[in-house]
Amino acid sequence: MKYLKVLSIATLVTLAAACSQNDKPKQMEKKPSTSLVKNAVYNCGGKTLTVNYTFEGKTPISATAYLDNQRIAREMPFDDSYKSLPTFKLDNHRLTLDDGFGPETATTTDVVTLTEATKASDKILAKNCMINAEATAKANQ
């Protein structure tokens, strides 16, 4: 009987030790982030358009657009189905840029249009937006 008690206690201690080692969370390898954020400020015929672009490496991921300091669309994903011009689209908002847009040119590429789709037609919120180099440089500091 005494032998059985000692054996039972030894078994419990061994099981407890094994469980405590398995319960420890494994350290996950942290991959270096390749996310890059670029900010651009545009003059659009009396309106100011500010866009925060996010890239993963050289691939555009999303854009958040503000028109006259009011957020219009948050994290519009890049839509690669538009082959003619680089486009970000979310729900009823679409931001279209000049050709050649990428992480190296995000602060120098002009915006063609920012539109909002309505039942009747697309409403142009901003068009022919030219980069404001001074404000863009300040926004990226």
N, C-alpha and C. Protein backbone atom coordinates (compact mmCIF):
# COMPACT_ATOMS: atom_id res chain seq x y z
N MET A 1 0.82 -1.18 0.00
CA MET A 1 0.00 0.00 0.00
C MET A 1 0.87 1.26 0.00
N LYS A 2 1.94 1.22 0.86
CA LYS A 2 2.83 2.36 0.92
C LYS A 2 3.52 2.55 -0.43
N TYR A 3 3.89 1.44 -1.07
CA TYR A 3 4.54 1.48 -2.38
C TYR A 3 3.61 2.11 -3.42
N LEU A 4 2.31 1.80 -3.36
CA LEU A 4 1.33 2.33 -4.29
C LEU A 4 1.15 3.83 -4.11
N LYS A 5 1.18 4.30 -2.84
CA LYS A 5 1.06 5.74 -2.57
C LYS A 5 2.26 6.49 -3.15
N VAL A 6 3.46 5.96 -2.92
CA VAL A 6 4.67 6.60 -3.43
C VAL A 6 4.66 6.62 -4.95
N LEU A 7 4.24 5.54 -5.55
CA LEU A 7 4.17 5.46 -7.01
C LEU A 7 3.15 6.45 -7.55
N SER A 8 2.01 6.59 -6.90
CA SER A 8 0.97 7.53 -7.34
C SER A 8 1.45 8.96 -7.24
N ILE A 9 2.13 9.30 -6.15
CA ILE A 9 2.65 10.66 -5.97
C ILE A 9 3.72 10.95 -7.02
N ALA A 10 4.60 9.99 -7.26
CA ALA A 10 5.65 10.18 -8.27
C ALA A 10 5.05 10.37 -9.66
N THR A 11 4.00 9.64 -9.96
CA THR A 11 3.32 9.77 -11.26
C THR A 11 2.69 11.15 -11.39
N LEU A 12 2.04 11.61 -10.34
CA LEU A 12 1.41 12.94 -10.37
C LEU A 12 2.44 14.04 -10.56
N VAL A 13 3.56 13.95 -9.86
CA VAL A 13 4.62 14.96 -9.99
C VAL A 13 5.16 14.96 -11.41
N THR A 14 5.38 13.80 -11.98
CA THR A 14 5.89 13.70 -13.36
C THR A 14 4.90 14.30 -14.35
N LEU A 15 3.62 13.97 -14.20
CA LEU A 15 2.60 14.52 -15.09
C LEU A 15 2.48 16.03 -14.96
N ALA A 16 2.53 16.53 -13.73
CA ALA A 16 2.44 17.98 -13.51
C ALA A 16 3.61 18.70 -14.17
N ALA A 17 4.80 18.14 -14.05
CA ALA A 17 5.97 18.75 -14.67
C ALA A 17 5.85 18.74 -16.19
N ALA A 18 5.38 17.65 -16.74
CA ALA A 18 5.22 17.56 -18.20
C ALA A 18 4.19 18.55 -18.70
N CYS A 19 3.08 18.68 -17.98
CA CYS A 19 2.03 19.62 -18.40
C CYS A 19 2.50 21.05 -18.31
N SER A 20 3.25 21.38 -17.25
CA SER A 20 3.68 22.77 -17.10
C SER A 20 4.64 23.17 -18.21
N GLN A 21 5.43 22.22 -18.71
CA GLN A 21 6.33 22.54 -19.81
C GLN A 21 5.56 22.73 -21.11
N ASN A 22 4.51 21.96 -21.32
CA ASN A 22 3.72 22.07 -22.54
C ASN A 22 2.82 23.30 -22.53
N ASP A 23 2.48 23.80 -21.34
CA ASP A 23 1.60 24.95 -21.24
C ASP A 23 2.31 26.26 -21.53
N LYS A 24 3.63 26.25 -21.54
CA LYS A 24 4.36 27.49 -21.79
C LYS A 24 4.19 27.87 -23.25
N PRO A 25 3.83 29.14 -23.51
CA PRO A 25 3.69 29.56 -24.91
C PRO A 25 5.04 29.55 -25.61
N LYS A 26 5.02 29.08 -26.81
CA LYS A 26 6.25 29.06 -27.60
C LYS A 26 6.54 30.47 -28.09
N GLN A 27 7.79 30.81 -28.10
CA GLN A 27 8.20 32.11 -28.61
C GLN A 27 8.09 32.08 -30.13
N MET A 28 7.30 32.99 -30.66
CA MET A 28 7.15 33.04 -32.11
C MET A 28 8.22 33.95 -32.68
N GLU A 29 8.70 33.56 -33.83
CA GLU A 29 9.68 34.40 -34.50
C GLU A 29 8.99 35.65 -35.01
N LYS A 30 9.58 36.78 -34.72
CA LYS A 30 9.02 38.03 -35.22
C LYS A 30 9.66 38.34 -36.55
N LYS A 31 8.80 38.49 -37.54
CA LYS A 31 9.29 38.85 -38.87
C LYS A 31 9.39 40.36 -38.92
N PRO A 32 10.45 40.87 -39.51
CA PRO A 32 10.55 42.31 -39.62
C PRO A 32 9.42 42.85 -40.49
N SER A 33 8.82 43.92 -40.05
CA SER A 33 7.72 44.52 -40.79
C SER A 33 8.26 45.24 -42.01
N THR A 34 7.61 45.02 -43.12
CA THR A 34 8.02 45.72 -44.34
C THR A 34 6.99 46.78 -44.71
N SER A 35 6.09 47.10 -43.77
CA SER A 35 5.08 48.12 -44.03
C SER A 35 5.74 49.49 -44.12
N LEU A 36 5.25 50.26 -45.04
CA LEU A 36 5.76 51.60 -45.25
C LEU A 36 4.56 52.52 -45.42
N VAL A 37 4.57 53.65 -44.72
CA VAL A 37 3.48 54.62 -44.84
C VAL A 37 4.05 55.88 -45.46
N LYS A 38 3.38 56.36 -46.49
CA LYS A 38 3.74 57.62 -47.15
C LYS A 38 2.52 58.53 -47.11
N ASN A 39 2.76 59.80 -46.81
CA ASN A 39 1.68 60.79 -46.78
C ASN A 39 1.86 61.74 -47.94
N ALA A 40 0.75 62.12 -48.56
CA ALA A 40 0.80 63.07 -49.67
C ALA A 40 -0.31 64.09 -49.48
N VAL A 41 0.01 65.35 -49.77
CA VAL A 41 -0.95 66.44 -49.67
C VAL A 41 -1.10 67.04 -51.06
N TYR A 42 -2.35 67.20 -51.48
CA TYR A 42 -2.65 67.67 -52.84
C TYR A 42 -3.50 68.93 -52.78
N ASN A 43 -3.31 69.80 -53.78
CA ASN A 43 -4.20 70.94 -54.00
C ASN A 43 -5.15 70.55 -55.12
N CYS A 44 -6.45 70.66 -54.83
CA CYS A 44 -7.47 70.23 -55.79
C CYS A 44 -8.46 71.37 -56.03
N GLY A 45 -8.06 72.39 -56.75
CA GLY A 45 -8.97 73.47 -57.08
C GLY A 45 -9.64 74.10 -55.86
N GLY A 46 -8.86 74.53 -54.90
CA GLY A 46 -9.41 75.16 -53.70
C GLY A 46 -9.66 74.21 -52.55
N LYS A 47 -9.54 72.92 -52.78
CA LYS A 47 -9.70 71.92 -51.72
C LYS A 47 -8.34 71.28 -51.44
N THR A 48 -8.18 70.80 -50.22
CA THR A 48 -6.96 70.09 -49.85
C THR A 48 -7.29 68.63 -49.64
N LEU A 49 -6.59 67.77 -50.36
CA LEU A 49 -6.74 66.32 -50.22
C LEU A 49 -5.46 65.78 -49.60
N THR A 50 -5.61 65.08 -48.48
CA THR A 50 -4.48 64.44 -47.82
C THR A 50 -4.72 62.94 -47.87
N VAL A 51 -3.70 62.19 -48.29
CA VAL A 51 -3.84 60.74 -48.40
C VAL A 51 -2.67 60.07 -47.69
N ASN A 52 -3.00 59.08 -46.87
CA ASN A 52 -2.00 58.24 -46.20
C ASN A 52 -1.98 56.90 -46.93
N TYR A 53 -0.86 56.62 -47.59
CA TYR A 53 -0.71 55.37 -48.35
C TYR A 53 0.08 54.36 -47.52
N THR A 54 -0.33 53.10 -47.58
CA THR A 54 0.41 52.02 -46.92
C THR A 54 0.88 51.03 -47.98
N PHE A 55 2.15 50.65 -47.86
CA PHE A 55 2.76 49.70 -48.79
C PHE A 55 3.35 48.53 -48.01
N GLU A 56 3.36 47.37 -48.61
CA GLU A 56 4.12 46.21 -48.13
C GLU A 56 5.20 45.99 -49.17
N GLY A 57 6.41 46.36 -48.83
CA GLY A 57 7.47 46.33 -49.83
C GLY A 57 7.14 47.34 -50.92
N LYS A 58 7.05 46.89 -52.15
CA LYS A 58 6.72 47.78 -53.26
C LYS A 58 5.25 47.70 -53.67
N THR A 59 4.47 46.91 -52.93
CA THR A 59 3.06 46.69 -53.28
C THR A 59 2.16 47.65 -52.51
N PRO A 60 1.34 48.45 -53.22
CA PRO A 60 0.38 49.30 -52.51
C PRO A 60 -0.68 48.44 -51.83
N ILE A 61 -1.00 48.77 -50.59
CA ILE A 61 -1.97 48.00 -49.82
C ILE A 61 -3.26 48.79 -49.61
N SER A 62 -3.14 50.03 -49.08
CA SER A 62 -4.35 50.80 -48.79
C SER A 62 -4.06 52.29 -48.80
N ALA A 63 -5.16 53.06 -48.81
CA ALA A 63 -5.07 54.52 -48.76
C ALA A 63 -6.22 55.04 -47.91
N THR A 64 -5.92 56.02 -47.07
CA THR A 64 -6.94 56.72 -46.30
C THR A 64 -6.96 58.16 -46.79
N ALA A 65 -8.14 58.63 -47.19
CA ALA A 65 -8.26 59.96 -47.81
C ALA A 65 -9.02 60.92 -46.91
N TYR A 66 -8.48 62.14 -46.82
CA TYR A 66 -9.10 63.24 -46.08
C TYR A 66 -9.29 64.40 -47.04
N LEU A 67 -10.47 64.95 -47.11
CA LEU A 67 -10.74 66.11 -47.95
C LEU A 67 -11.08 67.27 -47.03
N ASP A 68 -10.25 68.32 -47.09
CA ASP A 68 -10.39 69.47 -46.19
C ASP A 68 -10.49 69.01 -44.74
N ASN A 69 -9.57 68.14 -44.34
CA ASN A 69 -9.44 67.61 -42.97
C ASN A 69 -10.59 66.73 -42.51
N GLN A 70 -11.48 66.35 -43.40
CA GLN A 70 -12.57 65.44 -43.05
C GLN A 70 -12.29 64.09 -43.71
N ARG A 71 -12.27 63.03 -42.90
CA ARG A 71 -11.98 61.72 -43.47
C ARG A 71 -13.11 61.29 -44.39
N ILE A 72 -12.74 60.95 -45.61
CA ILE A 72 -13.70 60.52 -46.62
C ILE A 72 -13.77 59.00 -46.67
N ALA A 73 -12.62 58.35 -46.68
CA ALA A 73 -12.58 56.89 -46.77
C ALA A 73 -11.36 56.39 -46.02
N ARG A 74 -11.57 55.36 -45.19
CA ARG A 74 -10.49 54.81 -44.38
C ARG A 74 -10.04 53.47 -44.95
N GLU A 75 -8.73 53.36 -45.13
CA GLU A 75 -8.10 52.11 -45.58
C GLU A 75 -8.76 51.50 -46.81
N MET A 76 -8.86 52.31 -47.85
CA MET A 76 -9.35 51.79 -49.13
C MET A 76 -8.29 50.83 -49.67
N PRO A 77 -8.64 49.59 -49.94
CA PRO A 77 -7.64 48.67 -50.47
C PRO A 77 -7.28 48.99 -51.92
N PHE A 78 -6.05 48.67 -52.28
CA PHE A 78 -5.62 48.83 -53.66
C PHE A 78 -6.38 47.84 -54.52
N ASP A 79 -6.92 48.32 -55.62
CA ASP A 79 -7.72 47.47 -56.51
C ASP A 79 -6.95 47.26 -57.80
N ASP A 80 -6.33 46.10 -57.93
CA ASP A 80 -5.51 45.85 -59.12
C ASP A 80 -6.31 45.42 -60.33
N SER A 81 -7.64 45.44 -60.22
CA SER A 81 -8.46 45.12 -61.40
C SER A 81 -8.51 46.29 -62.38
N TYR A 82 -8.16 47.48 -61.92
CA TYR A 82 -8.08 48.64 -62.80
C TYR A 82 -6.70 48.64 -63.44
N LYS A 83 -6.63 48.28 -64.69
CA LYS A 83 -5.34 48.13 -65.36
C LYS A 83 -4.80 49.45 -65.91
N SER A 84 -5.68 50.42 -66.18
CA SER A 84 -5.21 51.64 -66.82
C SER A 84 -4.53 52.60 -65.85
N LEU A 85 -5.11 52.80 -64.67
CA LEU A 85 -4.53 53.72 -63.68
C LEU A 85 -4.60 53.10 -62.29
N PRO A 86 -3.59 53.38 -61.44
CA PRO A 86 -3.61 52.86 -60.08
C PRO A 86 -4.85 53.37 -59.34
N THR A 87 -5.58 52.46 -58.67
CA THR A 87 -6.85 52.80 -58.04
C THR A 87 -7.00 52.12 -56.68
N PHE A 88 -7.48 52.90 -55.72
CA PHE A 88 -7.88 52.38 -54.41
C PHE A 88 -9.39 52.49 -54.35
N LYS A 89 -10.06 51.45 -53.84
CA LYS A 89 -11.52 51.46 -53.85
C LYS A 89 -12.06 50.79 -52.59
N LEU A 90 -13.07 51.44 -51.99
CA LEU A 90 -13.76 50.88 -50.83
C LEU A 90 -15.21 51.32 -50.89
N ASP A 91 -16.11 50.34 -50.87
CA ASP A 91 -17.54 50.62 -50.92
C ASP A 91 -17.85 51.55 -52.09
N ASN A 92 -18.26 52.78 -51.79
CA ASN A 92 -18.64 53.69 -52.86
C ASN A 92 -17.59 54.77 -53.14
N HIS A 93 -16.40 54.66 -52.57
CA HIS A 93 -15.34 55.64 -52.82
C HIS A 93 -14.23 55.03 -53.66
N ARG A 94 -13.69 55.88 -54.56
CA ARG A 94 -12.60 55.44 -55.43
C ARG A 94 -11.59 56.58 -55.58
N LEU A 95 -10.32 56.26 -55.39
CA LEU A 95 -9.22 57.20 -55.55
C LEU A 95 -8.36 56.70 -56.70
N THR A 96 -8.25 57.51 -57.75
CA THR A 96 -7.50 57.14 -58.95
C THR A 96 -6.31 58.07 -59.10
N LEU A 97 -5.14 57.49 -59.35
CA LEU A 97 -3.91 58.27 -59.45
C LEU A 97 -3.32 58.20 -60.85
N ASP A 98 -2.35 59.08 -61.09
CA ASP A 98 -1.62 59.03 -62.35
C ASP A 98 -0.79 57.76 -62.41
N ASP A 99 -0.48 57.36 -63.63
CA ASP A 99 0.34 56.17 -63.87
C ASP A 99 1.72 56.37 -63.24
N GLY A 100 2.34 55.28 -62.84
CA GLY A 100 3.68 55.34 -62.26
C GLY A 100 3.69 55.40 -60.74
N PHE A 101 2.54 55.21 -60.11
CA PHE A 101 2.42 55.28 -58.66
C PHE A 101 3.09 54.08 -58.00
N GLY A 102 3.85 54.34 -56.94
CA GLY A 102 4.50 53.30 -56.16
C GLY A 102 5.10 53.91 -54.92
N PRO A 103 5.79 53.14 -54.09
CA PRO A 103 6.34 53.68 -52.85
C PRO A 103 7.39 54.77 -53.09
N GLU A 104 8.13 54.67 -54.18
CA GLU A 104 9.15 55.68 -54.47
C GLU A 104 8.53 56.97 -55.01
N THR A 105 7.33 56.88 -55.60
CA THR A 105 6.72 58.05 -56.23
C THR A 105 5.44 58.51 -55.54
N ALA A 106 5.11 57.91 -54.40
CA ALA A 106 3.85 58.23 -53.72
C ALA A 106 3.75 59.70 -53.33
N THR A 107 4.87 60.33 -53.07
CA THR A 107 4.85 61.73 -52.65
C THR A 107 5.02 62.70 -53.82
N THR A 108 5.05 62.16 -55.04
CA THR A 108 5.18 63.03 -56.22
C THR A 108 4.13 62.76 -57.29
N THR A 109 3.36 61.69 -57.14
CA THR A 109 2.35 61.33 -58.14
C THR A 109 1.06 62.09 -57.87
N ASP A 110 0.50 62.68 -58.92
CA ASP A 110 -0.75 63.44 -58.78
C ASP A 110 -1.96 62.52 -58.75
N VAL A 111 -3.04 63.02 -58.15
CA VAL A 111 -4.31 62.30 -58.10
C VAL A 111 -5.17 62.76 -59.27
N VAL A 112 -5.77 61.82 -59.97
CA VAL A 112 -6.66 62.17 -61.07
C VAL A 112 -8.03 62.53 -60.50
N THR A 113 -8.63 61.62 -59.72
CA THR A 113 -9.95 61.90 -59.13
C THR A 113 -10.15 61.16 -57.81
N LEU A 114 -11.00 61.74 -56.98
CA LEU A 114 -11.57 61.08 -55.81
C LEU A 114 -13.07 61.15 -56.03
N THR A 115 -13.71 59.99 -56.15
CA THR A 115 -15.14 59.96 -56.46
C THR A 115 -15.91 59.18 -55.41
N GLU A 116 -17.21 59.48 -55.38
CA GLU A 116 -18.15 58.77 -54.54
C GLU A 116 -19.29 58.30 -55.43
N ALA A 117 -19.53 57.01 -55.46
CA ALA A 117 -20.60 56.47 -56.29
C ALA A 117 -21.94 56.70 -55.59
N THR A 118 -22.88 57.24 -56.35
CA THR A 118 -24.25 57.42 -55.85
C THR A 118 -25.18 56.63 -56.76
N LYS A 119 -26.45 56.59 -56.41
CA LYS A 119 -27.41 55.84 -57.24
C LYS A 119 -27.51 56.43 -58.64
N ALA A 120 -27.44 57.74 -58.72
CA ALA A 120 -27.59 58.40 -60.02
C ALA A 120 -26.32 58.32 -60.86
N SER A 121 -25.17 58.64 -60.24
CA SER A 121 -23.91 58.63 -60.98
C SER A 121 -22.76 58.78 -59.99
N ASP A 122 -21.55 58.84 -60.52
CA ASP A 122 -20.39 59.08 -59.67
C ASP A 122 -20.29 60.57 -59.37
N LYS A 123 -20.16 60.90 -58.10
CA LYS A 123 -19.99 62.29 -57.68
C LYS A 123 -18.49 62.54 -57.53
N ILE A 124 -17.98 63.53 -58.23
CA ILE A 124 -16.55 63.86 -58.15
C ILE A 124 -16.34 64.73 -56.92
N LEU A 125 -15.57 64.22 -55.96
CA LEU A 125 -15.26 64.98 -54.75
C LEU A 125 -14.04 65.86 -54.95
N ALA A 126 -13.08 65.38 -55.74
CA ALA A 126 -11.87 66.14 -56.05
C ALA A 126 -11.32 65.63 -57.37
N LYS A 127 -10.79 66.56 -58.17
CA LYS A 127 -10.21 66.14 -59.45
C LYS A 127 -9.00 67.00 -59.79
N ASN A 128 -8.16 66.47 -60.67
CA ASN A 128 -6.95 67.17 -61.11
C ASN A 128 -6.14 67.68 -59.93
N CYS A 129 -5.91 66.84 -58.96
CA CYS A 129 -5.20 67.21 -57.74
C CYS A 129 -3.69 67.17 -57.97
N MET A 130 -3.05 68.28 -57.70
CA MET A 130 -1.61 68.40 -57.88
C MET A 130 -0.92 68.30 -56.53
N ILE A 131 0.20 67.59 -56.50
CA ILE A 131 0.93 67.40 -55.26
C ILE A 131 1.41 68.75 -54.71
N ASN A 132 1.25 68.96 -53.42
CA ASN A 132 1.78 70.14 -52.73
C ASN A 132 3.08 69.68 -52.08
N ALA A 133 4.19 69.95 -52.74
CA ALA A 133 5.49 69.40 -52.31
C ALA A 133 5.87 69.84 -50.90
N GLU A 134 5.64 71.10 -50.57
CA GLU A 134 6.02 71.61 -49.25
C GLU A 134 5.19 70.95 -48.14
N ALA A 135 3.88 70.90 -48.32
CA ALA A 135 3.01 70.28 -47.32
C ALA A 135 3.26 68.78 -47.22
N THR A 136 3.56 68.14 -48.35
CA THR A 136 3.85 66.70 -48.36
C THR A 136 5.14 66.41 -47.60
N ALA A 137 6.17 67.21 -47.83
CA ALA A 137 7.44 67.02 -47.11
C ALA A 137 7.22 67.17 -45.60
N LYS A 138 6.44 68.16 -45.21
CA LYS A 138 6.15 68.38 -43.79
C LYS A 138 5.35 67.21 -43.21
N ALA A 139 4.42 66.66 -43.96
CA ALA A 139 3.59 65.55 -43.49
C ALA A 139 4.38 64.26 -43.31
N ASN A 140 5.52 64.15 -43.97
CA ASN A 140 6.33 62.93 -43.89
C ASN A 140 7.50 63.04 -42.92
N GLN A 141 7.57 64.13 -42.16
CA GLN A 141 8.67 64.30 -41.19
C GLN A 141 8.44 63.46 -39.96
